Amino acid sequence: MPMSPLDTVAAPLATHPHGALNARRAWGIAGLGLAGLLFLSLPFLGLFLSTPWPRLHLQSGDLDAVWVSVSYSLIAVAAVVVFTTPVAWWLARHDFRGKWFVEMLVLLPLLTPPLAMGLLLAMSYGPYSWLGQPLGHLGLSLTNTPAAFLLAQVYGSAPYYIVAARSAFEGVPRELEQISLTLGQSPWRTFWRITVPLAGLGLAAGVALAWVRALGEFGIVLIVAYYPQGIPVKLWVNLQDTGLQAVYPLLWLFFLIGLPLPLLLGAWSRRAQRGH
């Protein structure tokens, strides 16, 4: 008779002098773990069970919200990768006086509540702010515009990418980079041929995290870029205007659009780890 996963955990402990006690502990730990997983999955199970499948239909403007979120999220994530990858590499590879201050600047947007972050952006980039007024004279408005939407997404996603990318770069052995340099490769070629491939899984995880954060950002967007409406704000509008029944179609679309990338990258990471 095939063994269950719990039997697999507990069976090797049964031969130990304290096997019975250890087996009970293993069963207890495994039971707590399964209870935790069940607790985390309950909201998603509830979504599936409560969705009115026969009456499911999109609300007016839902597809426009999907287009806004997806298109701007792609641009925001690309900007985050281009402009913050050097920051992550710099923090991973250099020690300098005041490094703690730079790390604090990176973590501040991550640790600040989204609504508070939105208020901070409004104070800095709003039409009557110290920075918004001169930008307005140049024709750039950062309130309720596509540019403001991108700004909110970048502030919401960039710190997560930097933290993940920095960890990925720190995992690359410096000896391999030094060998490449001694063989005559330039620092730039060493970065692209040695550092980036070896840090690839961690960088991909950072991209996936930035994608989900940009796509799902609500608090910051609500303050500085209520228009154009993306998926999170449109969910809020549907809930307020029509009720809970109106959010199901767009909520399912959000999961179908947002989850495949991190799930695929997670599967790729596990496969790569088994390959090693």
Protein backbone atom coordinates (compact mmCIF):
# COMPACT_ATOMS: atom_id res chain seq x y z
CA MET A 1 0.00 0.00 0.00
CA PRO A 2 1.57 3.37 -0.98
CA MET A 3 2.69 5.66 1.83
CA SER A 4 1.12 9.06 2.37
CA PRO A 5 3.33 12.17 2.54
CA LEU A 6 2.90 12.25 6.32
CA ASP A 7 3.96 8.60 6.57
CA THR A 8 7.04 9.44 4.51
CA VAL A 9 8.01 12.13 7.00
CA ALA A 10 7.32 10.07 10.12
CA ALA A 11 8.51 6.57 9.10
CA PRO A 12 12.30 7.20 9.17
CA LEU A 13 12.00 8.51 12.71
CA ALA A 14 10.28 5.39 14.03
CA THR A 15 13.57 3.40 14.16
CA HIS A 16 15.23 5.99 16.43
CA PRO A 17 15.38 5.22 20.19
CA HIS A 18 12.94 8.01 20.66
CA GLY A 19 11.23 7.15 17.39
CA ALA A 20 7.67 7.19 18.67
CA LEU A 21 8.07 10.65 20.23
CA ASN A 22 9.87 12.00 17.18
CA ALA A 23 7.22 10.54 14.88
CA ARG A 24 4.48 12.25 16.87
CA ARG A 25 6.38 15.51 16.63
CA ALA A 26 6.81 15.05 12.89
CA TRP A 27 3.10 14.38 12.51
CA GLY A 28 2.33 17.45 14.62
CA ILE A 29 4.63 19.71 12.57
CA ALA A 30 3.26 18.35 9.31
CA GLY A 31 -0.31 18.82 10.58
CA LEU A 32 0.41 22.43 11.52
CA GLY A 33 1.95 23.00 8.11
CA LEU A 34 -1.07 21.60 6.31
CA ALA A 35 -3.36 23.69 8.51
CA GLY A 36 -1.36 26.79 7.58
CA LEU A 37 -1.58 25.98 3.88
CA LEU A 38 -5.31 25.40 4.18
CA PHE A 39 -5.74 28.72 5.98
CA LEU A 40 -3.83 30.58 3.22
CA SER A 41 -5.83 28.90 0.46
CA LEU A 42 -9.27 29.49 1.97
CA PRO A 43 -9.86 32.94 0.37
CA PHE A 44 -9.06 31.56 -3.10
CA LEU A 45 -11.26 28.54 -2.53
CA GLY A 46 -13.96 30.94 -1.41
CA LEU A 47 -13.55 32.95 -4.61
CA PHE A 48 -14.04 29.82 -6.71
CA LEU A 49 -17.07 28.65 -4.72
CA SER A 50 -18.79 32.05 -4.52
CA THR A 51 -18.30 33.13 -8.14
CA PRO A 52 -21.72 33.27 -9.89
CA TRP A 53 -20.48 31.40 -12.96
CA PRO A 54 -23.80 31.39 -14.95
CA ARG A 55 -24.23 35.17 -14.48
CA LEU A 56 -20.59 36.13 -14.94
CA HIS A 57 -20.17 39.13 -17.24
CA LEU A 58 -17.78 42.07 -17.46
CA GLN A 59 -18.84 45.54 -16.43
CA SER A 60 -18.54 48.55 -18.68
CA GLY A 61 -14.91 49.69 -18.79
CA ASP A 62 -13.42 46.45 -17.43
CA LEU A 63 -11.51 45.63 -20.62
CA ASP A 64 -10.19 49.19 -20.79
CA ALA A 65 -8.90 48.77 -17.23
CA VAL A 66 -7.18 45.52 -18.21
CA TRP A 67 -5.49 47.23 -21.15
CA VAL A 68 -4.34 50.14 -18.98
CA SER A 69 -2.90 47.88 -16.27
CA VAL A 70 -1.15 45.44 -18.60
CA SER A 71 0.36 47.97 -20.99
CA TYR A 72 1.55 50.37 -18.31
CA SER A 73 2.83 47.54 -16.09
CA LEU A 74 5.02 46.29 -18.93
CA ILE A 75 6.49 49.76 -19.37
CA ALA A 76 6.92 50.26 -15.62
CA VAL A 77 8.68 46.91 -15.12
CA ALA A 78 10.99 47.58 -18.07
CA ALA A 79 11.90 50.97 -16.59
CA VAL A 80 12.49 49.41 -13.16
CA VAL A 81 14.82 46.76 -14.59
CA VAL A 82 16.81 49.24 -16.70
CA PHE A 83 17.25 51.94 -14.08
CA THR A 84 17.48 49.97 -10.82
CA THR A 85 19.56 46.92 -11.81
CA PRO A 86 22.73 49.06 -11.52
CA VAL A 87 21.59 50.11 -8.04
CA ALA A 88 21.15 46.48 -6.98
CA TRP A 89 24.54 45.50 -8.43
CA TRP A 90 26.25 48.46 -6.80
CA LEU A 91 24.82 47.59 -3.37
CA ALA A 92 25.79 43.93 -3.81
CA ARG A 93 29.36 44.53 -4.93
CA HIS A 94 30.56 47.66 -3.12
CA ASP A 95 31.11 48.66 0.49
CA PHE A 96 31.38 52.37 1.21
CA ARG A 97 30.75 54.88 3.93
CA GLY A 98 27.09 55.78 4.17
CA LYS A 99 25.93 52.56 2.53
CA TRP A 100 23.34 52.18 5.27
CA PHE A 101 21.80 55.47 4.14
CA VAL A 102 21.49 54.28 0.54
CA GLU A 103 19.93 51.02 1.75
CA MET A 104 17.48 53.05 3.83
CA LEU A 105 16.49 55.09 0.77
CA VAL A 106 15.79 51.85 -1.13
CA LEU A 107 13.71 50.37 1.68
CA LEU A 108 11.72 53.50 2.55
CA PRO A 109 9.18 53.15 -0.33
CA LEU A 110 8.82 49.44 0.49
CA LEU A 111 8.18 50.06 4.19
CA THR A 112 5.85 53.02 3.69
CA PRO A 113 2.12 52.12 3.54
CA PRO A 114 0.85 52.50 -0.05
CA LEU A 115 -1.70 55.20 0.79
CA ALA A 116 0.96 57.15 2.66
CA MET A 117 3.32 56.70 -0.31
CA GLY A 118 0.63 58.08 -2.59
CA LEU A 119 0.25 61.12 -0.35
CA LEU A 120 4.01 61.65 -0.41
CA LEU A 121 4.01 61.54 -4.20
CA ALA A 122 1.11 64.00 -4.31
CA MET A 123 3.06 66.35 -2.03
CA SER A 124 6.11 66.13 -4.30
CA TYR A 125 4.65 65.76 -7.80
CA GLY A 126 1.19 67.33 -7.43
CA PRO A 127 0.26 70.35 -9.59
CA TYR A 128 0.89 72.83 -6.77
CA SER A 129 3.89 71.11 -5.22
CA TRP A 130 7.49 72.29 -5.15
CA LEU A 131 8.38 69.87 -7.97
CA GLY A 132 5.02 69.65 -9.74
CA GLN A 133 4.83 73.37 -10.56
CA PRO A 134 8.06 73.54 -12.60
CA LEU A 135 7.19 70.24 -14.27
CA GLY A 136 3.78 71.66 -15.14
CA HIS A 137 5.44 74.63 -16.85
CA LEU A 138 7.26 72.06 -19.00
CA GLY A 139 3.93 70.43 -19.92
CA LEU A 140 4.36 67.35 -17.70
CA SER A 141 1.47 66.65 -15.32
CA LEU A 142 1.90 63.89 -12.76
CA THR A 143 -1.64 63.74 -11.43
CA ASN A 144 -4.37 61.62 -13.06
CA THR A 145 -2.37 61.08 -16.24
CA PRO A 146 -0.63 58.07 -17.83
CA ALA A 147 2.69 59.48 -16.59
CA ALA A 148 1.34 59.62 -13.05
CA PHE A 149 0.09 56.03 -13.36
CA LEU A 150 3.57 54.88 -14.40
CA LEU A 151 5.15 56.90 -11.61
CA ALA A 152 2.93 55.18 -9.04
CA GLN A 153 3.72 51.73 -10.45
CA VAL A 154 7.46 52.37 -10.44
CA TYR A 155 7.46 53.56 -6.82
CA GLY A 156 5.33 50.56 -5.87
CA SER A 157 7.47 47.91 -7.59
CA ALA A 158 11.06 49.16 -7.76
CA PRO A 159 12.09 48.43 -4.13
CA TYR A 160 10.94 44.81 -4.42
CA TYR A 161 13.00 44.31 -7.56
CA ILE A 162 16.08 45.95 -6.06
CA VAL A 163 15.97 43.73 -2.96
CA ALA A 164 15.58 40.56 -5.05
CA ALA A 165 18.21 41.59 -7.62
CA ARG A 166 20.71 42.54 -4.94
CA SER A 167 20.32 39.14 -3.30
CA ALA A 168 20.80 37.48 -6.69
CA PHE A 169 24.02 39.40 -7.38
CA GLU A 170 25.35 38.63 -3.90
CA GLY A 171 24.91 34.93 -4.67
CA VAL A 172 27.33 35.08 -7.61
CA PRO A 173 30.86 34.02 -6.53
CA ARG A 174 33.24 36.92 -7.01
CA GLU A 175 36.01 34.46 -7.87
CA LEU A 176 34.32 33.64 -11.16
CA GLU A 177 34.12 37.31 -12.07
CA GLN A 178 37.80 37.75 -11.18
CA ILE A 179 38.76 34.79 -13.37
CA SER A 180 36.88 36.33 -16.28
CA LEU A 181 38.68 39.64 -15.77
CA THR A 182 42.11 37.97 -15.59
CA LEU A 183 41.35 36.20 -18.87
CA GLY A 184 41.06 39.57 -20.56
CA GLN A 185 37.31 40.10 -20.51
CA SER A 186 36.13 43.65 -19.85
CA PRO A 187 33.98 44.39 -16.79
CA TRP A 188 31.01 44.96 -19.09
CA ARG A 189 31.40 41.60 -20.86
CA THR A 190 32.03 39.90 -17.53
CA PHE A 191 28.79 41.36 -16.20
CA TRP A 192 26.75 40.10 -19.14
CA ARG A 193 28.49 36.75 -19.65
CA ILE A 194 29.15 35.71 -16.05
CA THR A 195 27.23 37.76 -13.51
CA VAL A 196 23.83 38.05 -15.20
CA PRO A 197 23.53 34.35 -16.22
CA LEU A 198 24.51 33.15 -12.74
CA ALA A 199 22.12 35.60 -11.11
CA GLY A 200 19.43 34.89 -13.68
CA LEU A 201 17.00 33.01 -11.44
CA GLY A 202 17.08 35.68 -8.76
CA LEU A 203 16.72 38.46 -11.32
CA ALA A 204 13.78 36.65 -12.89
CA ALA A 205 12.16 36.36 -9.46
CA GLY A 206 12.66 40.10 -9.02
CA VAL A 207 11.03 40.79 -12.38
CA ALA A 208 8.06 38.58 -11.48
CA LEU A 209 7.67 40.32 -8.13
CA ALA A 210 7.88 43.76 -9.75
CA TRP A 211 5.29 42.68 -12.34
CA VAL A 212 2.78 41.59 -9.72
CA ARG A 213 3.38 44.69 -7.61
CA ALA A 214 3.01 47.06 -10.58
CA LEU A 215 -0.08 45.29 -11.89
CA GLY A 216 -1.79 45.19 -8.51
CA GLU A 217 -0.77 48.56 -7.06
CA PHE A 218 -3.82 50.25 -5.60
CA GLY A 219 -2.98 52.58 -2.73
CA ILE A 220 -0.45 54.78 -4.53
CA VAL A 221 -2.46 54.78 -7.77
CA LEU A 222 -5.65 55.73 -5.93
CA ILE A 223 -4.08 58.97 -4.71
CA VAL A 224 -2.06 60.19 -7.72
CA ALA A 225 -3.58 58.41 -10.73
CA TYR A 226 -7.25 57.61 -10.19
CA TYR A 227 -7.46 58.13 -13.95
CA PRO A 228 -6.68 56.32 -16.15
CA GLN A 229 -8.33 53.50 -14.23
CA GLY A 230 -6.38 50.25 -14.01
CA ILE A 231 -7.63 46.93 -12.68
CA PRO A 232 -7.28 47.65 -8.93
CA VAL A 233 -9.09 51.00 -9.06
CA LYS A 234 -11.76 49.60 -11.41
CA LEU A 235 -12.38 46.76 -8.94
CA TRP A 236 -12.94 49.38 -6.26
CA VAL A 237 -15.28 51.38 -8.50
CA ASN A 238 -17.29 48.27 -9.44
CA LEU A 239 -17.61 47.34 -5.77
CA GLN A 240 -18.78 50.80 -4.80
CA ASP A 241 -21.17 51.32 -7.73
CA THR A 242 -22.68 47.85 -8.23
CA GLY A 243 -21.66 45.60 -5.36
CA LEU A 244 -19.67 42.45 -4.80
CA GLN A 245 -21.22 40.62 -7.76
CA ALA A 246 -19.60 43.10 -10.16
CA VAL A 247 -16.00 42.38 -9.13
CA TYR A 248 -15.82 38.66 -9.93
CA PRO A 249 -15.08 38.83 -13.70
CA LEU A 250 -12.35 41.46 -13.38
CA LEU A 251 -10.87 39.72 -10.35
CA TRP A 252 -10.56 36.47 -12.30
CA LEU A 253 -8.96 38.37 -15.18
CA PHE A 254 -6.45 39.86 -12.77
CA PHE A 255 -5.39 36.42 -11.57
CA LEU A 256 -5.25 35.01 -15.10
CA ILE A 257 -3.02 37.89 -16.20
CA GLY A 258 -0.89 38.42 -13.12
CA LEU A 259 -0.13 34.92 -11.87
CA PRO A 260 1.27 32.99 -14.87
CA LEU A 261 4.61 34.85 -14.92
CA PRO A 262 5.59 34.27 -11.25
CA LEU A 263 4.24 30.71 -11.33
CA LEU A 264 6.20 29.84 -14.48
CA LEU A 265 9.36 31.42 -13.12
CA GLY A 266 8.91 29.51 -9.86
CA ALA A 267 8.61 26.24 -11.79
CA TRP A 268 11.67 27.16 -13.88
CA SER A 269 13.64 27.93 -10.70
CA ARG A 270 12.79 24.57 -9.10
CA ARG A 271 13.66 22.74 -12.31
CA ALA A 272 17.00 24.54 -12.55
CA GLN A 273 17.80 23.73 -8.93
CA ARG A 274 17.07 20.03 -9.52
CA GLY A 275 19.31 20.18 -12.57
CA HIS A 276 22.20 21.25 -10.36
